[in-house]
């Protein structure tokens, strides 16, 4: 078995097959001659990316909503003046 970079095309293909539920980790490791531990780590990292992106997007949305609220308050103040 060979240890490949997480960005190697074979590793990416194996991760895709596992995430799309075409193969189990064991089956993909055997099919692509990859260490199970490396493949498991790559799958966990691939699953974590969307969660991190969602958290970042939620934080950005909250910040933008706060800015919008501040702008609306400023506009109301200008309209009253």
N, C-alpha and C. Protein backbone atom coordinates (compact mmCIF):
# COMPACT_ATOMS: atom_id res chain seq x y z
N UNK A 1 0.85 -1.19 0.00
CA UNK A 1 0.00 0.00 0.00
C UNK A 1 0.88 1.24 0.00
N UNK A 2 0.38 2.27 -0.63
CA UNK A 2 1.17 3.49 -0.73
C UNK A 2 0.48 4.62 0.01
N UNK A 3 1.29 5.49 0.58
CA UNK A 3 0.76 6.68 1.24
C UNK A 3 0.75 7.80 0.22
N UNK A 4 -0.42 8.35 -0.04
CA UNK A 4 -0.54 9.41 -1.02
C UNK A 4 -0.96 10.71 -0.37
N UNK A 5 -0.64 11.79 -1.05
CA UNK A 5 -1.08 13.11 -0.61
C UNK A 5 -2.60 13.14 -0.63
N UNK A 6 -3.17 13.98 0.23
CA UNK A 6 -4.62 14.11 0.27
C UNK A 6 -5.16 14.73 -1.01
N UNK A 7 -4.30 15.34 -1.81
CA UNK A 7 -4.71 15.96 -3.07
C UNK A 7 -4.41 15.09 -4.28
N UNK A 8 -3.85 13.92 -4.08
CA UNK A 8 -3.53 13.02 -5.18
C UNK A 8 -4.83 12.56 -5.85
N UNK A 9 -4.84 12.48 -7.18
CA UNK A 9 -6.07 12.10 -7.88
C UNK A 9 -6.69 10.78 -7.40
N UNK A 10 -5.86 9.78 -7.10
CA UNK A 10 -6.42 8.51 -6.61
C UNK A 10 -7.09 8.68 -5.25
N UNK A 11 -6.47 9.47 -4.39
CA UNK A 11 -7.05 9.72 -3.06
C UNK A 11 -8.37 10.48 -3.20
N UNK A 12 -8.36 11.49 -4.05
CA UNK A 12 -9.58 12.27 -4.26
C UNK A 12 -10.71 11.41 -4.83
N UNK A 13 -10.36 10.54 -5.76
CA UNK A 13 -11.37 9.64 -6.34
C UNK A 13 -11.91 8.67 -5.30
N UNK A 14 -11.02 8.12 -4.48
CA UNK A 14 -11.44 7.20 -3.43
C UNK A 14 -12.35 7.90 -2.42
N UNK A 15 -11.98 9.13 -2.03
CA UNK A 15 -12.80 9.90 -1.09
C UNK A 15 -14.17 10.16 -1.70
N UNK A 16 -14.20 10.51 -2.97
CA UNK A 16 -15.48 10.76 -3.66
C UNK A 16 -16.35 9.50 -3.63
N UNK A 17 -15.74 8.35 -3.91
CA UNK A 17 -16.51 7.09 -3.92
C UNK A 17 -17.07 6.78 -2.54
N UNK A 18 -16.30 7.07 -1.49
CA UNK A 18 -16.77 6.81 -0.12
C UNK A 18 -17.89 7.79 0.23
N UNK A 19 -17.69 9.06 -0.07
CA UNK A 19 -18.70 10.07 0.27
C UNK A 19 -20.00 9.88 -0.51
N UNK A 20 -19.90 9.35 -1.71
CA UNK A 20 -21.10 9.11 -2.50
C UNK A 20 -21.68 7.72 -2.21
N UNK A 21 -21.11 7.06 -1.21
CA UNK A 21 -21.58 5.76 -0.72
C UNK A 21 -21.53 4.67 -1.78
N UNK A 22 -20.59 4.79 -2.71
CA UNK A 22 -20.39 3.72 -3.68
C UNK A 22 -19.49 2.63 -3.09
N UNK A 23 -18.58 3.06 -2.20
CA UNK A 23 -17.68 2.13 -1.53
C UNK A 23 -17.65 2.44 -0.04
N UNK A 24 -17.37 1.43 0.75
CA UNK A 24 -17.04 1.67 2.15
C UNK A 24 -15.57 2.08 2.19
N UNK A 25 -15.12 2.54 3.33
CA UNK A 25 -13.70 2.91 3.44
C UNK A 25 -12.82 1.70 3.17
N UNK A 26 -13.19 0.57 3.71
CA UNK A 26 -12.40 -0.66 3.50
C UNK A 26 -12.36 -1.04 2.02
N UNK A 27 -13.51 -0.98 1.35
CA UNK A 27 -13.56 -1.33 -0.07
C UNK A 27 -12.73 -0.36 -0.91
N UNK A 28 -12.85 0.93 -0.62
CA UNK A 28 -12.08 1.92 -1.38
C UNK A 28 -10.59 1.77 -1.12
N UNK A 29 -10.23 1.50 0.13
CA UNK A 29 -8.81 1.31 0.44
C UNK A 29 -8.25 0.13 -0.33
N UNK A 30 -9.02 -0.93 -0.40
CA UNK A 30 -8.58 -2.11 -1.14
C UNK A 30 -8.55 -1.83 -2.64
N UNK A 31 -9.59 -1.21 -3.16
CA UNK A 31 -9.71 -0.94 -4.61
C UNK A 31 -8.57 -0.04 -5.10
N UNK A 32 -8.22 1.00 -4.31
CA UNK A 32 -7.21 1.97 -4.72
C UNK A 32 -5.85 1.73 -4.08
N UNK A 33 -5.71 0.63 -3.35
CA UNK A 33 -4.45 0.27 -2.68
C UNK A 33 -3.95 1.41 -1.79
N UNK A 34 -4.86 1.90 -0.94
CA UNK A 34 -4.54 2.99 -0.03
C UNK A 34 -4.64 2.51 1.41
N UNK A 35 -3.84 3.08 2.30
CA UNK A 35 -4.00 2.74 3.72
C UNK A 35 -5.35 3.22 4.24
N UNK A 36 -6.04 2.38 4.98
CA UNK A 36 -7.35 2.73 5.52
C UNK A 36 -7.28 3.99 6.37
N UNK A 37 -6.24 4.09 7.17
CA UNK A 37 -6.09 5.24 8.07
C UNK A 37 -6.00 6.54 7.29
N UNK A 38 -5.22 6.54 6.21
CA UNK A 38 -5.08 7.76 5.38
C UNK A 38 -6.39 8.10 4.70
N UNK A 39 -7.08 7.07 4.20
CA UNK A 39 -8.35 7.30 3.53
C UNK A 39 -9.40 7.81 4.52
N UNK A 40 -9.42 7.23 5.71
CA UNK A 40 -10.36 7.67 6.74
C UNK A 40 -10.10 9.14 7.08
N UNK A 41 -8.83 9.51 7.24
CA UNK A 41 -8.48 10.90 7.56
C UNK A 41 -8.92 11.84 6.44
N UNK A 42 -8.71 11.43 5.20
CA UNK A 42 -9.10 12.26 4.07
C UNK A 42 -10.62 12.43 4.00
N UNK A 43 -11.36 11.37 4.30
CA UNK A 43 -12.82 11.45 4.31
C UNK A 43 -13.29 12.39 5.40
N UNK A 44 -12.71 12.28 6.60
CA UNK A 44 -13.09 13.16 7.71
C UNK A 44 -12.80 14.62 7.37
N UNK A 45 -11.67 14.88 6.73
CA UNK A 45 -11.35 16.25 6.33
C UNK A 45 -12.33 16.77 5.29
N UNK A 46 -12.70 15.92 4.35
CA UNK A 46 -13.65 16.32 3.32
C UNK A 46 -15.02 16.62 3.93
N UNK A 47 -15.40 15.87 4.95
CA UNK A 47 -16.68 16.11 5.61
C UNK A 47 -16.64 17.38 6.45
N UNK A 48 -15.48 17.72 6.97
CA UNK A 48 -15.36 18.90 7.84
C UNK A 48 -15.43 20.20 7.04
N UNK A 49 -15.00 20.19 5.80
CA UNK A 49 -14.96 21.42 5.01
C UNK A 49 -16.33 22.09 4.88
N UNK A 50 -17.38 21.35 4.50
CA UNK A 50 -18.69 22.02 4.40
C UNK A 50 -19.17 22.57 5.74
N UNK A 51 -18.88 21.88 6.84
CA UNK A 51 -19.29 22.36 8.15
C UNK A 51 -18.60 23.68 8.47
N UNK A 52 -17.31 23.75 8.18
CA UNK A 52 -16.57 24.98 8.43
C UNK A 52 -17.09 26.11 7.55
N UNK A 53 -17.38 25.79 6.30
CA UNK A 53 -17.90 26.81 5.39
C UNK A 53 -19.26 27.31 5.87
N UNK A 54 -20.11 26.39 6.33
CA UNK A 54 -21.42 26.80 6.85
C UNK A 54 -21.28 27.70 8.06
N UNK A 55 -20.36 27.36 8.96
CA UNK A 55 -20.14 28.19 10.15
C UNK A 55 -19.67 29.58 9.75
N UNK A 56 -18.74 29.64 8.78
CA UNK A 56 -18.24 30.93 8.31
C UNK A 56 -19.35 31.74 7.65
N UNK A 57 -20.17 31.07 6.85
CA UNK A 57 -21.27 31.76 6.18
C UNK A 57 -22.29 32.29 7.18
N UNK A 58 -22.59 31.51 8.21
CA UNK A 58 -23.53 31.98 9.24
C UNK A 58 -22.98 33.19 9.97
N UNK A 59 -21.69 33.15 10.30
CA UNK A 59 -21.07 34.29 10.99
C UNK A 59 -21.08 35.52 10.10
N UNK A 60 -20.79 35.34 8.81
CA UNK A 60 -20.80 36.46 7.87
C UNK A 60 -22.21 37.02 7.71
N UNK A 61 -23.20 36.13 7.63
CA UNK A 61 -24.58 36.57 7.52
C UNK A 61 -24.99 37.39 8.73
N UNK A 62 -24.62 36.92 9.90
CA UNK A 62 -24.95 37.64 11.13
C UNK A 62 -24.30 39.02 11.15
N UNK A 63 -23.05 39.09 10.72
CA UNK A 63 -22.34 40.36 10.67
C UNK A 63 -23.00 41.31 9.67
N UNK A 64 -23.36 40.79 8.50
CA UNK A 64 -24.01 41.63 7.49
C UNK A 64 -25.38 42.12 7.96
N UNK A 65 -26.12 41.27 8.64
CA UNK A 65 -27.41 41.69 9.18
C UNK A 65 -27.24 42.80 10.21
N UNK A 66 -26.20 42.71 11.01
CA UNK A 66 -25.92 43.75 12.00
C UNK A 66 -25.57 45.06 11.30
N UNK A 67 -24.73 44.99 10.25
CA UNK A 67 -24.38 46.19 9.49
C UNK A 67 -25.61 46.81 8.84
N UNK A 68 -26.47 45.97 8.29
CA UNK A 68 -27.69 46.46 7.66
C UNK A 68 -28.57 47.16 8.68
N UNK A 69 -28.68 46.56 9.85
CA UNK A 69 -29.47 47.17 10.92
C UNK A 69 -28.89 48.53 11.31
N UNK A 70 -27.59 48.62 11.41
CA UNK A 70 -26.93 49.89 11.75
C UNK A 70 -27.19 50.94 10.66
N UNK A 71 -27.12 50.52 9.41
CA UNK A 71 -27.36 51.44 8.29
C UNK A 71 -28.80 51.93 8.30
N UNK A 72 -29.74 51.00 8.54
CA UNK A 72 -31.16 51.40 8.59
C UNK A 72 -31.40 52.40 9.72
N UNK A 73 -30.77 52.19 10.88
CA UNK A 73 -30.91 53.15 11.99
C UNK A 73 -30.34 54.50 11.61
N UNK A 74 -29.21 54.50 10.93
CA UNK A 74 -28.60 55.77 10.50
C UNK A 74 -29.50 56.50 9.51
N UNK A 75 -30.09 55.75 8.58
CA UNK A 75 -30.99 56.37 7.61
C UNK A 75 -32.22 56.94 8.28
N UNK A 76 -32.75 56.23 9.26
CA UNK A 76 -33.92 56.75 9.98
C UNK A 76 -33.56 58.03 10.70
N UNK A 77 -32.38 58.08 11.27
CA UNK A 77 -31.93 59.29 11.96
C UNK A 77 -31.79 60.45 11.00
N UNK A 78 -31.29 60.19 9.78
CA UNK A 78 -31.14 61.24 8.77
C UNK A 78 -32.50 61.72 8.27
N UNK A 79 -33.45 60.81 8.15
CA UNK A 79 -34.77 61.20 7.68
C UNK A 79 -35.49 62.06 8.69
N UNK A 80 -35.27 61.81 9.97
CA UNK A 80 -35.90 62.61 11.02
C UNK A 80 -35.30 64.00 11.11
N UNK A 81 -34.04 64.11 10.76
CA UNK A 81 -33.36 65.41 10.89
C UNK A 81 -33.74 66.38 9.82
